PDB file of N, CA and C in Angstrom:
ATOM      1  N   MET A   1      13.367  -3.255  -2.090  1.00  0.00           N
ATOM      2  CA  MET A   1      12.247  -3.715  -1.320  1.00  0.00           C
ATOM      3  C   MET A   1      11.177  -4.249  -2.261  1.00  0.00           C
ATOM      4  N   LYS A   2      10.594  -5.370  -1.906  1.00  0.00           N
ATOM      5  CA  LYS A   2       9.523  -5.960  -2.710  1.00  0.00           C
ATOM      6  C   LYS A   2       8.189  -5.366  -2.270  1.00  0.00           C
ATOM      7  N   ARG A   3       7.392  -5.017  -3.275  1.00  0.00           N
ATOM      8  CA  ARG A   3       6.058  -4.484  -3.023  1.00  0.00           C
ATOM      9  C   ARG A   3       5.109  -5.004  -4.090  1.00  0.00           C
ATOM     10  N   LYS A   4       3.829  -5.047  -3.755  1.00  0.00           N
ATOM     11  CA  LYS A   4       2.819  -5.439  -4.737  1.00  0.00           C
ATOM     12  C   LYS A   4       2.473  -4.239  -5.618  1.00  0.00           C
ATOM     13  N   LEU A   5       2.111  -4.535  -6.851  1.00  0.00           N
ATOM     14  CA  LEU A   5       1.753  -3.473  -7.797  1.00  0.00           C
ATOM     15  C   LEU A   5       0.608  -2.612  -7.285  1.00  0.00           C
ATOM     16  N   VAL A   6      -0.294  -3.180  -6.501  1.00  0.00           N
ATOM     17  CA  VAL A   6      -1.435  -2.417  -5.986  1.00  0.00           C
ATOM     18  C   VAL A   6      -0.988  -1.199  -5.178  1.00  0.00           C
ATOM     19  N   GLU A   7       0.223  -1.239  -4.645  1.00  0.00           N
ATOM     20  CA  GLU A   7       0.708  -0.134  -3.832  1.00  0.00           C
ATOM     21  C   GLU A   7       1.202   1.041  -4.660  1.00  0.00           C
ATOM     22  N   ILE A   8       1.466   0.809  -5.954  1.00  0.00           N
ATOM     23  CA  ILE A   8       2.048   1.886  -6.762  1.00  0.00           C
ATOM     24  C   ILE A   8       1.312   2.172  -8.066  1.00  0.00           C
ATOM     25  N   ALA A   9       0.333   1.356  -8.444  1.00  0.00           N
ATOM     26  CA  ALA A   9      -0.290   1.511  -9.757  1.00  0.00           C
ATOM     27  C   ALA A   9      -1.782   1.183  -9.711  1.00  0.00           C
ATOM     28  N   HIS A  10      -2.439   1.495 -10.801  1.00  0.00           N
ATOM     29  CA  HIS A  10      -3.849   1.140 -11.012  1.00  0.00           C
ATOM     30  C   HIS A  10      -3.923   0.192 -12.197  1.00  0.00           C
ATOM     31  N   ALA A  11      -4.962  -0.620 -12.258  1.00  0.00           N
ATOM     32  CA  ALA A  11      -5.124  -1.539 -13.389  1.00  0.00           C
ATOM     33  C   ALA A  11      -6.595  -1.652 -13.765  1.00  0.00           C
ATOM     34  N   ARG A  12      -6.821  -1.918 -15.042  1.00  0.00           N
ATOM     35  CA  ARG A  12      -8.153  -2.194 -15.580  1.00  0.00           C
ATOM     36  C   ARG A  12      -8.019  -3.399 -16.494  1.00  0.00           C
ATOM     37  N   SER A  13      -9.085  -4.146 -16.660  1.00  0.00           N
ATOM     38  CA  SER A  13      -9.009  -5.299 -17.550  1.00  0.00           C
ATOM     39  C   SER A  13     -10.364  -5.607 -18.158  1.00  0.00           C
ATOM     40  N   GLY A  14     -10.314  -6.374 -19.226  1.00  0.00           N
ATOM     41  CA  GLY A  14     -11.521  -6.801 -19.905  1.00  0.00           C
ATOM     42  C   GLY A  14     -11.204  -8.032 -20.734  1.00  0.00           C
ATOM     43  N   ASP A  15     -12.178  -8.511 -21.478  1.00  0.00           N
ATOM     44  CA  ASP A  15     -11.958  -9.736 -22.240  1.00  0.00           C
ATOM     45  C   ASP A  15     -12.600  -9.640 -23.605  1.00  0.00           C
ATOM     46  N   LYS A  16     -12.076 -10.413 -24.505  1.00  0.00           N
ATOM     47  CA  LYS A  16     -12.629 -10.561 -25.849  1.00  0.00           C
ATOM     48  C   LYS A  16     -12.287 -11.972 -26.298  1.00  0.00           C
ATOM     49  N   GLY A  17     -13.297 -12.820 -26.347  1.00  0.00           N
ATOM     50  CA  GLY A  17     -13.043 -14.216 -26.716  1.00  0.00           C
ATOM     51  C   GLY A  17     -12.139 -14.872 -25.687  1.00  0.00           C
ATOM     52  N   ASP A  18     -11.041 -15.420 -26.135  1.00  0.00           N
ATOM     53  CA  ASP A  18     -10.100 -16.122 -25.253  1.00  0.00           C
ATOM     54  C   ASP A  18      -8.898 -15.251 -24.880  1.00  0.00           C
ATOM     55  N   ARG A  19      -9.036 -13.949 -25.057  1.00  0.00           N
ATOM     56  CA  ARG A  19      -7.947 -13.020 -24.742  1.00  0.00           C
ATOM     57  C   ARG A  19      -8.349 -12.105 -23.600  1.00  0.00           C
ATOM     58  N   CYS A  20      -7.420 -11.865 -22.720  1.00  0.00           N
ATOM     59  CA  CYS A  20      -7.629 -10.929 -21.622  1.00  0.00           C
ATOM     60  C   CYS A  20      -6.749  -9.708 -21.891  1.00  0.00           C
ATOM     61  N   ASP A  21      -7.337  -8.542 -21.800  1.00  0.00           N
ATOM     62  CA  ASP A  21      -6.672  -7.283 -22.090  1.00  0.00           C
ATOM     63  C   ASP A  21      -6.544  -6.501 -20.786  1.00  0.00           C
ATOM     64  N   LEU A  22      -5.309  -6.126 -20.426  1.00  0.00           N
ATOM     65  CA  LEU A  22      -5.088  -5.402 -19.177  1.00  0.00           C
ATOM     66  C   LEU A  22      -4.367  -4.095 -19.448  1.00  0.00           C
ATOM     67  N   GLY A  23      -4.679  -3.096 -18.643  1.00  0.00           N
ATOM     68  CA  GLY A  23      -3.953  -1.837 -18.646  1.00  0.00           C
ATOM     69  C   GLY A  23      -3.391  -1.608 -17.261  1.00  0.00           C
ATOM     70  N   LEU A  24      -2.100  -1.307 -17.182  1.00  0.00           N
ATOM     71  CA  LEU A  24      -1.445  -1.015 -15.910  1.00  0.00           C
ATOM     72  C   LEU A  24      -0.972   0.432 -15.974  1.00  0.00           C
ATOM     73  N   PHE A  25      -1.471   1.263 -15.063  1.00  0.00           N
ATOM     74  CA  PHE A  25      -1.276   2.702 -15.137  1.00  0.00           C
ATOM     75  C   PHE A  25      -0.446   3.217 -13.968  1.00  0.00           C
ATOM     76  N   ALA A  26       0.570   4.017 -14.289  1.00  0.00           N
ATOM     77  CA  ALA A  26       1.415   4.633 -13.269  1.00  0.00           C
ATOM     78  C   ALA A  26       0.920   6.047 -12.978  1.00  0.00           C
ATOM     79  N   PRO A  27       1.042   6.502 -11.747  1.00  0.00           N
ATOM     80  CA  PRO A  27       0.610   7.861 -11.422  1.00  0.00           C
ATOM     81  C   PRO A  27       1.616   8.934 -11.822  1.00  0.00           C
ATOM     82  N   ASP A  28       2.870   8.523 -12.103  1.00  0.00           N
ATOM     83  CA  ASP A  28       3.904   9.505 -12.454  1.00  0.00           C
ATOM     84  C   ASP A  28       5.013   8.823 -13.257  1.00  0.00           C
ATOM     85  N   ALA A  29       5.903   9.635 -13.817  1.00  0.00           N
ATOM     86  CA  ALA A  29       6.969   9.127 -14.689  1.00  0.00           C
ATOM     87  C   ALA A  29       7.946   8.221 -13.949  1.00  0.00           C
ATOM     88  N   ALA A  30       8.257   8.521 -12.701  1.00  0.00           N
ATOM     89  CA  ALA A  30       9.194   7.681 -11.942  1.00  0.00           C
ATOM     90  C   ALA A  30       8.625   6.281 -11.727  1.00  0.00           C
ATOM     91  N   THR A  31       7.355   6.211 -11.399  1.00  0.00           N
ATOM     92  CA  THR A  31       6.709   4.911 -11.205  1.00  0.00           C
ATOM     93  C   THR A  31       6.615   4.159 -12.534  1.00  0.00           C
ATOM     94  N   TYR A  32       6.322   4.874 -13.605  1.00  0.00           N
ATOM     95  CA  TYR A  32       6.243   4.235 -14.918  1.00  0.00           C
ATOM     96  C   TYR A  32       7.581   3.618 -15.308  1.00  0.00           C
ATOM     97  N   ALA A  33       8.673   4.297 -15.006  1.00  0.00           N
ATOM     98  CA  ALA A  33      10.006   3.751 -15.306  1.00  0.00           C
ATOM     99  C   ALA A  33      10.230   2.432 -14.566  1.00  0.00           C
ATOM    100  N   VAL A  34       9.787   2.362 -13.324  1.00  0.00           N
ATOM    101  CA  VAL A  34       9.913   1.118 -12.550  1.00  0.00           C
ATOM    102  C   VAL A  34       9.036   0.029 -13.164  1.00  0.00           C
ATOM    103  N   LEU A  35       7.812   0.366 -13.539  1.00  0.00           N
ATOM    104  CA  LEU A  35       6.922  -0.622 -14.159  1.00  0.00           C
ATOM    105  C   LEU A  35       7.529  -1.168 -15.446  1.00  0.00           C
ATOM    106  N   LYS A  36       8.069  -0.296 -16.284  1.00  0.00           N
ATOM    107  CA  LYS A  36       8.663  -0.745 -17.546  1.00  0.00           C
ATOM    108  C   LYS A  36       9.841  -1.683 -17.311  1.00  0.00           C
ATOM    109  N   ARG A  37      10.596  -1.444 -16.254  1.00  0.00           N
ATOM    110  CA  ARG A  37      11.756  -2.280 -15.950  1.00  0.00           C
ATOM    111  C   ARG A  37      11.349  -3.610 -15.315  1.00  0.00           C
ATOM    112  N   GLU A  38      10.363  -3.600 -14.445  1.00  0.00           N
ATOM    113  CA  GLU A  38      10.026  -4.773 -13.640  1.00  0.00           C
ATOM    114  C   GLU A  38       8.931  -5.661 -14.213  1.00  0.00           C
ATOM    115  N   VAL A  39       7.981  -5.085 -14.918  1.00  0.00           N
ATOM    116  CA  VAL A  39       6.856  -5.860 -15.463  1.00  0.00           C
ATOM    117  C   VAL A  39       7.232  -6.279 -16.885  1.00  0.00           C
ATOM    118  N   THR A  40       7.797  -7.455 -16.988  1.00  0.00           N
ATOM    119  CA  THR A  40       8.289  -7.971 -18.267  1.00  0.00           C
ATOM    120  C   THR A  40       7.394  -9.115 -18.748  1.00  0.00           C
ATOM    121  N   PRO A  41       7.443  -9.430 -20.041  1.00  0.00           N
ATOM    122  CA  PRO A  41       6.661 -10.568 -20.522  1.00  0.00           C
ATOM    123  C   PRO A  41       6.989 -11.864 -19.772  1.00  0.00           C
ATOM    124  N   GLU A  42       8.258 -12.081 -19.474  1.00  0.00           N
ATOM    125  CA  GLU A  42       8.666 -13.299 -18.769  1.00  0.00           C
ATOM    126  C   GLU A  42       8.055 -13.375 -17.371  1.00  0.00           C
ATOM    127  N   ARG A  43       8.062 -12.261 -16.659  1.00  0.00           N
ATOM    128  CA  ARG A  43       7.477 -12.240 -15.317  1.00  0.00           C
ATOM    129  C   ARG A  43       5.966 -12.386 -15.372  1.00  0.00           C
ATOM    130  N   LEU A  44       5.346 -11.802 -16.389  1.00  0.00           N
ATOM    131  CA  LEU A  44       3.903 -11.941 -16.551  1.00  0.00           C
ATOM    132  C   LEU A  44       3.526 -13.390 -16.850  1.00  0.00           C
ATOM    133  N   VAL A  45       4.322 -14.069 -17.675  1.00  0.00           N
ATOM    134  CA  VAL A  45       4.065 -15.485 -17.966  1.00  0.00           C
ATOM    135  C   VAL A  45       4.100 -16.293 -16.681  1.00  0.00           C
ATOM    136  N   ARG A  46       5.094 -16.045 -15.822  1.00  0.00           N
ATOM    137  CA  ARG A  46       5.179 -16.773 -14.548  1.00  0.00           C
ATOM    138  C   ARG A  46       4.005 -16.419 -13.637  1.00  0.00           C
ATOM    139  N   HIS A  47       3.665 -15.140 -13.571  1.00  0.00           N
ATOM    140  CA  HIS A  47       2.608 -14.694 -12.672  1.00  0.00           C
ATOM    141  C   HIS A  47       1.242 -15.268 -13.070  1.00  0.00           C
ATOM    142  N   PHE A  48       0.988 -15.359 -14.372  1.00  0.00           N
ATOM    143  CA  PHE A  48      -0.300 -15.848 -14.859  1.00  0.00           C
ATOM    144  C   PHE A  48      -0.212 -17.288 -15.378  1.00  0.00           C
ATOM    145  N   ALA A  49       0.746 -18.049 -14.876  1.00  0.00           N
ATOM    146  CA  ALA A  49       0.969 -19.419 -15.368  1.00  0.00           C
ATOM    147  C   ALA A  49      -0.272 -20.293 -15.261  1.00  0.00           C
ATOM    148  N   GLY A  50      -1.056 -20.171 -14.235  1.00  0.00           N
ATOM    149  CA  GLY A  50      -2.234 -21.003 -14.084  1.00  0.00           C
ATOM    150  C   GLY A  50      -3.434 -20.511 -14.878  1.00  0.00           C
ATOM    151  N   MET A  51      -3.298 -19.344 -15.487  1.00  0.00           N
ATOM    152  CA  MET A  51      -4.428 -18.745 -16.189  1.00  0.00           C
ATOM    153  C   MET A  51      -4.208 -18.669 -17.700  1.00  0.00           C
ATOM    154  N   ALA A  52      -3.068 -18.168 -18.126  1.00  0.00           N
ATOM    155  CA  ALA A  52      -2.819 -17.935 -19.560  1.00  0.00           C
ATOM    156  C   ALA A  52      -2.017 -19.083 -20.153  1.00  0.00           C
ATOM    157  N   SER A  53      -2.576 -19.710 -21.177  1.00  0.00           N
ATOM    158  CA  SER A  53      -1.868 -20.811 -21.828  1.00  0.00           C
ATOM    159  C   SER A  53      -1.181 -20.374 -23.114  1.00  0.00           C
ATOM    160  N   GLY A  54      -1.487 -19.181 -23.596  1.00  0.00           N
ATOM    161  CA  GLY A  54      -0.890 -18.682 -24.828  1.00  0.00           C
ATOM    162  C   GLY A  54       0.165 -17.633 -24.543  1.00  0.00           C
ATOM    163  N   PRO A  55       0.683 -17.011 -25.594  1.00  0.00           N
ATOM    164  CA  PRO A  55       1.716 -15.994 -25.421  1.00  0.00           C
ATOM    165  C   PRO A  55       1.176 -14.744 -24.719  1.00  0.00           C
ATOM    166  N   VAL A  56       2.089 -14.045 -24.072  1.00  0.00           N
ATOM    167  CA  VAL A  56       1.779 -12.784 -23.405  1.00  0.00           C
ATOM    168  C   VAL A  56       2.385 -11.664 -24.237  1.00  0.00           C
ATOM    169  N   GLU A  57       1.572 -10.662 -24.541  1.00  0.00           N
ATOM    170  CA  GLU A  57       2.049  -9.501 -25.293  1.00  0.00           C
ATOM    171  C   GLU A  57       2.102  -8.305 -24.351  1.00  0.00           C
ATOM    172  N   LEU A  58       3.142  -7.481 -24.500  1.00  0.00           N
ATOM    173  CA  LEU A  58       3.322  -6.308 -23.647  1.00  0.00           C
ATOM    174  C   LEU A  58       3.663  -5.112 -24.526  1.00  0.00           C
ATOM    175  N   TYR A  59       2.895  -4.048 -24.378  1.00  0.00           N
ATOM    176  CA  TYR A  59       3.091  -2.845 -25.177  1.00  0.00           C
ATOM    177  C   TYR A  59       3.236  -1.642 -24.253  1.00  0.00           C
ATOM    178  N   PRO A  60       4.384  -0.953 -24.288  1.00  0.00           N
ATOM    179  CA  PRO A  60       4.510   0.279 -23.501  1.00  0.00           C
ATOM    180  C   PRO A  60       3.743   1.412 -24.177  1.00  0.00           C
ATOM    181  N   LEU A  61       3.011   2.167 -23.389  1.00  0.00           N
ATOM    182  CA  LEU A  61       2.262   3.328 -23.872  1.00  0.00           C
ATOM    183  C   LEU A  61       2.826   4.554 -23.154  1.00  0.00           C
ATOM    184  N   ASP A  62       3.992   4.997 -23.623  1.00  0.00           N
ATOM    185  CA  ASP A  62       4.741   6.044 -22.936  1.00  0.00           C
ATOM    186  C   ASP A  62       3.935   7.332 -22.742  1.00  0.00           C
ATOM    187  N   ASN A  63       3.128   7.689 -23.726  1.00  0.00           N
ATOM    188  CA  ASN A  63       2.364   8.937 -23.616  1.00  0.00           C
ATOM    189  C   ASN A  63       1.264   8.867 -22.551  1.00  0.00           C
ATOM    190  N   LEU A  64       0.888   7.647 -22.143  1.00  0.00           N
ATOM    191  CA  LEU A  64      -0.138   7.465 -21.107  1.00  0.00           C
ATOM    192  C   LEU A  64       0.442   7.005 -19.770  1.00  0.00           C
ATOM    193  N   LEU A  65       1.749   6.786 -19.727  1.00  0.00           N
ATOM    194  CA  LEU A  65       2.404   6.217 -18.537  1.00  0.00           C
ATOM    195  C   LEU A  65       1.728   4.895 -18.171  1.00  0.00           C
ATOM    196  N   ALA A  66       1.544   4.047 -19.188  1.00  0.00           N
ATOM    197  CA  ALA A  66       0.811   2.803 -18.988  1.00  0.00           C
ATOM    198  C   ALA A  66       1.436   1.664 -19.786  1.00  0.00           C
ATOM    199  N   LEU A  67       1.142   0.448 -19.352  1.00  0.00           N
ATOM    200  CA  LEU A  67       1.517  -0.754 -20.078  1.00  0.00           C
ATOM    201  C   LEU A  67       0.234  -1.463 -20.501  1.00  0.00           C
ATOM    202  N   LYS A  68       0.170  -1.872 -21.754  1.00  0.00           N
ATOM    203  CA  LYS A  68      -0.945  -2.688 -22.242  1.00  0.00           C
ATOM    204  C   LYS A  68      -0.455  -4.127 -22.277  1.00  0.00           C
ATOM    205  N   ILE A  69      -1.211  -5.004 -21.650  1.00  0.00           N
ATOM    206  CA  ILE A  69      -0.848  -6.413 -21.537  1.00  0.00           C
ATOM    207  C   ILE A  69      -1.973  -7.238 -22.146  1.00  0.00           C
ATOM    208  N   VAL A  70      -1.613  -8.184 -23.011  1.00  0.00           N
ATOM    209  CA  VAL A  70      -2.601  -9.082 -23.602  1.00  0.00           C
ATOM    210  C   VAL A  70      -2.218 -10.510 -23.230  1.00  0.00           C
ATOM    211  N   LEU A  71      -3.124 -11.195 -22.541  1.00  0.00           N
ATOM    212  CA  LEU A  71      -2.928 -12.597 -22.173  1.00  0.00           C
ATOM    213  C   LEU A  71      -3.739 -13.439 -23.150  1.00  0.00           C
ATOM    214  N   ASN A  72      -3.062 -14.178 -23.991  1.00  0.00           N
ATOM    215  CA  ASN A  72      -3.735 -15.033 -24.971  1.00  0.00           C
ATOM    216  C   ASN A  72      -3.992 -16.402 -24.359  1.00  0.00           C
ATOM    217  N   GLY A  73      -5.107 -17.011 -24.725  1.00  0.00           N
ATOM    218  CA  GLY A  73      -5.456 -18.318 -24.184  1.00  0.00           C
ATOM    219  C   GLY A  73      -5.712 -18.262 -22.691  1.00  0.00           C
ATOM    220  N   ALA A  74      -6.302 -17.166 -22.236  1.00  0.00           N
ATOM    221  CA  ALA A  74      -6.442 -16.952 -20.795  1.00  0.00           C
ATOM    222  C   ALA A  74      -7.843 -17.196 -20.248  1.00  0.00           C
ATOM    223  N   LEU A  75      -8.814 -17.429 -21.114  1.00  0.00           N
ATOM    224  CA  LEU A  75     -10.185 -17.462 -20.621  1.00  0.00           C
ATOM    225  C   LEU A  75     -10.925 -18.744 -20.976  1.00  0.00           C
ATOM    226  N   SER A  76     -10.183 -19.823 -21.107  1.00  0.00           N
ATOM    227  CA  SER A  76     -10.775 -21.140 -21.390  1.00  0.00           C
ATOM    228  C   SER A  76     -11.745 -21.100 -22.570  1.00  0.00           C
ATOM    229  N   GLY A  77     -11.368 -20.383 -23.598  1.00  0.00           N
ATOM    230  CA  GLY A  77     -12.198 -20.293 -24.791  1.00  0.00           C
ATOM    231  C   GLY A  77     -13.122 -19.095 -24.821  1.00  0.00           C
ATOM    232  N   GLY A  78     -13.235 -18.373 -23.728  1.00  0.00           N
ATOM    233  CA  GLY A  78     -14.125 -17.217 -23.667  1.00  0.00           C
ATOM    234  C   GLY A  78     -15.374 -17.526 -22.859  1.00  0.00           C
ATOM    235  N   ALA A  79     -16.120 -16.495 -22.537  1.00  0.00           N
ATOM    236  CA  ALA A  79     -17.281 -16.628 -21.655  1.00  0.00           C
ATOM    237  C   ALA A  79     -18.326 -17.599 -22.189  1.00  0.00           C
ATOM    238  N   ALA A  80     -18.544 -17.606 -23.485  1.00  0.00           N
ATOM    239  CA  ALA A  80     -19.588 -18.461 -24.049  1.00  0.00           C
ATOM    240  C   ALA A  80     -19.187 -19.935 -24.124  1.00  0.00           C
ATOM    241  N   ARG A  81     -17.885 -20.224 -24.042  1.00  0.00           N
ATOM    242  CA  ARG A  81     -17.429 -21.600 -24.214  1.00  0.00           C
ATOM    243  C   ARG A  81     -16.932 -22.240 -22.922  1.00  0.00           C
ATOM    244  N   SER A  82     -16.640 -21.465 -21.937  1.00  0.00           N
ATOM    245  CA  SER A  82     -15.979 -21.975 -20.736  1.00  0.00           C
ATOM    246  C   SER A  82     -16.963 -22.525 -19.714  1.00  0.00           C
ATOM    247  N   LEU A  83     -16.509 -23.515 -18.976  1.00  0.00           N
ATOM    248  CA  LEU A  83     -17.268 -24.036 -17.835  1.00  0.00           C
ATOM    249  C   LEU A  83     -16.822 -23.387 -16.532  1.00  0.00           C
ATOM    250  N   ARG A  84     -15.773 -22.566 -16.602  1.00  0.00           N
ATOM    251  CA  ARG A  84     -15.314 -21.856 -15.407  1.00  0.00           C
ATOM    252  C   ARG A  84     -16.355 -20.818 -15.017  1.00  0.00           C
ATOM    253  N   SER A  85     -16.651 -20.724 -13.743  1.00  0.00           N
ATOM    254  CA  SER A  85     -17.699 -19.792 -13.311  1.00  0.00           C
ATOM    255  C   SER A  85     -17.208 -18.360 -13.207  1.00  0.00           C
ATOM    256  N   ASP A  86     -15.910 -18.134 -13.051  1.00  0.00           N
ATOM    257  CA  ASP A  86     -15.392 -16.772 -12.889  1.00  0.00           C
ATOM    258  C   ASP A  86     -14.129 -16.619 -13.719  1.00  0.00           C
ATOM    259  N   ASN A  87     -14.263 -16.679 -15.020  1.00  0.00           N
ATOM    260  CA  ASN A  87     -13.087 -16.642 -15.859  1.00  0.00           C
ATOM    261  C   ASN A  87     -12.946 -15.369 -16.658  1.00  0.00           C
ATOM    262  N   LEU A  88     -13.886 -14.465 -16.541  1.00  0.00           N
ATOM    263  CA  LEU A  88     -13.845 -13.282 -17.374  1.00  0.00           C
ATOM    264  C   LEU A  88     -12.643 -12.412 -17.046  1.00  0.00           C
ATOM    265  N   GLY A  89     -12.225 -11.627 -18.021  1.00  0.00           N
ATOM    266  CA  GLY A  89     -11.037 -10.799 -17.877  1.00  0.00           C
ATOM    267  C   GLY A  89     -11.143  -9.722 -16.823  1.00  0.00           C
ATOM    268  N   LYS A  90     -12.356  -9.404 -16.409  1.00  0.00           N
ATOM    269  CA  LYS A  90     -12.526  -8.325 -15.441  1.00  0.00           C
ATOM    270  C   LYS A  90     -11.792  -8.588 -14.123  1.00  0.00           C
ATOM    271  N   CYS A  91     -11.663  -9.837 -13.731  1.00  0.00           N
ATOM    272  CA  CYS A  91     -10.979 -10.151 -12.475  1.00  0.00           C
ATOM    273  C   CYS A  91      -9.463 -10.190 -12.640  1.00  0.00           C
ATOM    274  N   ALA A  92      -8.965 -10.141 -13.852  1.00  0.00           N
ATOM    275  CA  ALA A  92      -7.517 -10.247 -14.075  1.00  0.00           C
ATOM    276  C   ALA A  92      -6.753  -9.026 -13.585  1.00  0.00           C
ATOM    277  N   ALA A  93      -7.379  -7.845 -13.547  1.00  0.00           N
ATOM    278  CA  ALA A  93      -6.690  -6.655 -13.036  1.00  0.00           C
ATOM    279  C   ALA A  93      -6.314  -6.852 -11.567  1.00  0.00           C
ATOM    280  N   ALA A  94      -7.213  -7.425 -10.789  1.00  0.00           N
ATOM    281  CA  ALA A  94      -6.917  -7.688  -9.380  1.00  0.00           C
ATOM    282  C   ALA A  94      -5.776  -8.692  -9.253  1.00  0.00           C
ATOM    283  N   ALA A  95      -5.766  -9.697 -10.119  1.00  0.00           N
ATOM    284  CA  ALA A  95      -4.676 -10.681 -10.091  1.00  0.00           C
ATOM    285  C   ALA A  95      -3.352 -10.018 -10.454  1.00  0.00           C
ATOM    286  N   LEU A  96      -3.361  -9.138 -11.444  1.00  0.00           N
ATOM    287  CA  LEU A  96      -2.130  -8.435 -11.831  1.00  0.00           C
ATOM    288  C   LEU A  96      -1.609  -7.592 -10.681  1.00  0.00           C
ATOM    289  N   LEU A  97      -2.496  -6.896  -9.985  1.00  0.00           N
ATOM    290  CA  LEU A  97      -2.059  -6.010  -8.904  1.00  0.00           C
ATOM    291  C   LEU A  97      -1.484  -6.765  -7.707  1.00  0.00           C
ATOM    292  N   ARG A  98      -1.672  -8.077  -7.652  1.00  0.00           N
ATOM    293  CA  ARG A  98      -1.045  -8.878  -6.587  1.00  0.00           C
ATOM    294  C   ARG A  98       0.398  -9.249  -6.927  1.00  0.00           C
ATOM    295  N   MET A  99       0.832  -8.977  -8.157  1.00  0.00           N
ATOM    296  CA  MET A  99       2.204  -9.283  -8.570  1.00  0.00           C
ATOM    297  C   MET A  99       3.190  -8.439  -7.770  1.00  0.00           C
ATOM    298  N   GLU A 100       4.236  -9.092  -7.265  1.00  0.00           N
ATOM    299  CA  GLU A 100       5.271  -8.382  -6.516  1.00  0.00           C
ATOM    300  C   GLU A 100       6.426  -8.024  -7.431  1.00  0.00           C
ATOM    301  N   ILE A 101       6.927  -6.795  -7.245  1.00  0.00           N
ATOM    302  CA  ILE A 101       8.089  -6.345  -7.993  1.00  0.00           C
ATOM    303  C   ILE A 101       9.110  -5.767  -7.018  1.00  0.00           C
ATOM    304  N   GLU A 102      10.308  -5.606  -7.493  1.00  0.00           N
ATOM    305  CA  GLU A 102      11.389  -5.031  -6.688  1.00  0.00           C
ATOM    306  C   GLU A 102      11.441  -3.528  -6.955  1.00  0.00           C
ATOM    307  N   LEU A 103      11.341  -2.735  -5.893  1.00  0.00           N
ATOM    308  CA  LEU A 103      11.440  -1.292  -6.012  1.00  0.00           C
ATOM    309  C   LEU A 103      12.838  -0.835  -5.647  1.00  0.00           C
ATOM    310  N   PRO A 104      13.352   0.214  -6.293  1.00  0.00           N
ATOM    311  CA  PRO A 104      14.655   0.749  -5.908  1.00  0.00           C
ATOM    312  C   PRO A 104      14.630   1.212  -4.450  1.00  0.00           C
ATOM    313  N   PRO A 105      15.768   1.150  -3.761  1.00  0.00           N
ATOM    314  CA  PRO A 105      15.789   1.535  -2.338  1.00  0.00           C
ATOM    315  C   PRO A 105      15.338   2.970  -2.080  1.00  0.00           C
ATOM    316  N   ASP A 106      15.563   3.858  -3.026  1.00  0.00           N
ATOM    317  CA  ASP A 106      15.205   5.267  -2.826  1.00  0.00           C
ATOM    318  C   ASP A 106      13.825   5.614  -3.394  1.00  0.00           C
ATOM    319  N   PHE A 107      13.061   4.598  -3.809  1.00  0.00           N
ATOM    320  CA  PHE A 107      11.757   4.839  -4.424  1.00  0.00           C
ATOM    321  C   PHE A 107      10.765   5.329  -3.377  1.00  0.00           C
ATOM    322  N   VAL A 108      10.041   6.375  -3.714  1.00  0.00           N
ATOM    323  CA  VAL A 108       8.997   6.912  -2.842  1.00  0.00           C
ATOM    324  C   VAL A 108       7.658   6.458  -3.407  1.00  0.00           C
ATOM    325  N   ILE A 109       6.910   5.722  -2.614  1.00  0.00           N
ATOM    326  CA  ILE A 109       5.609   5.237  -3.055  1.00  0.00           C
ATOM    327  C   ILE A 109       4.674   6.428  -3.220  1.00  0.00           C
ATOM    328  N   PRO A 110       4.128   6.592  -4.437  1.00  0.00           N
ATOM    329  CA  PRO A 110       3.257   7.752  -4.678  1.00  0.00           C
ATOM    330  C   PRO A 110       1.950   7.649  -3.900  1.00  0.00           C
ATOM    331  N   ALA A 111       1.438   8.798  -3.500  1.00  0.00           N
ATOM    332  CA  ALA A 111       0.140   8.834  -2.821  1.00  0.00           C
ATOM    333  C   ALA A 111      -0.939   8.535  -3.846  1.00  0.00           C
ATOM    334  N   LYS A 112      -1.853   7.629  -3.505  1.00  0.00           N
ATOM    335  CA  LYS A 112      -2.964   7.276  -4.381  1.00  0.00           C
ATOM    336  C   LYS A 112      -4.239   7.306  -3.565  1.00  0.00           C
ATOM    337  N   ALA A 113      -5.308   7.647  -4.200  1.00  0.00           N
ATOM    338  CA  ALA A 113      -6.611   7.646  -3.527  1.00  0.00           C
ATOM    339  C   ALA A 113      -6.955   6.227  -3.092  1.00  0.00           C
ATOM    340  N   GLY A 114      -7.288   6.068  -1.846  1.00  0.00           N
ATOM    341  CA  GLY A 114      -7.717   4.766  -1.341  1.00  0.00           C
ATOM    342  C   GLY A 114      -6.597   3.836  -0.935  1.00  0.00           C
ATOM    343  N   ILE A 115      -5.355   4.223  -1.127  1.00  0.00           N
ATOM    344  CA  ILE A 115      -4.222   3.364  -0.775  1.00  0.00           C
ATOM    345  C   ILE A 115      -3.458   4.023   0.365  1.00  0.00           C
ATOM    346  N   GLN A 116      -3.223   3.260   1.407  1.00  0.00           N
ATOM    347  CA  GLN A 116      -2.472   3.756   2.556  1.00  0.00           C
ATOM    348  C   GLN A 116      -1.003   3.395   2.407  1.00  0.00           C
ATOM    349  N   ASN A 117      -0.121   4.354   2.628  1.00  0.00           N
ATOM    350  CA  ASN A 117       1.313   4.073   2.647  1.00  0.00           C
ATOM    351  C   ASN A 117       1.689   3.550   4.033  1.00  0.00           C
ATOM    352  N   ASP A 118       2.745   2.746   4.094  1.00  0.00           N
ATOM    353  CA  ASP A 118       3.193   2.175   5.367  1.00  0.00           C
ATOM    354  C   ASP A 118       3.939   3.179   6.240  1.00  0.00           C
ATOM    355  N   ALA A 119       4.324   4.303   5.692  1.00  0.00           N
ATOM    356  CA  ALA A 119       5.180   5.260   6.393  1.00  0.00           C
ATOM    357  C   ALA A 119       4.547   5.845   7.619  1.00  0.00           C
TER     358      ALA A 119
END
């Protein structure tokens, strides 16, 4: 079943120059295993195609049940150089959480504060 990341994970983001830094956090080990399998550099490149012009870096942080994602060339030169009115990295977490991934058929969506399950 396809689901958006917002249904199973949390994300935070920020910016430094022309780089956007994202953290994708799983609530448990089972969800983290799905994130590691489904959230790949190739899929991130496709998902952020209109935003990131440089390489995408992905670092698993197993001890935190999190993925660190770096989008290079994502902010039109950075806040001080860009003419874009809303280009800062802070909005990139919301964009990441709209990414759809395939969940295993037996996957149980974890309960999260503020998120309603369809069940």
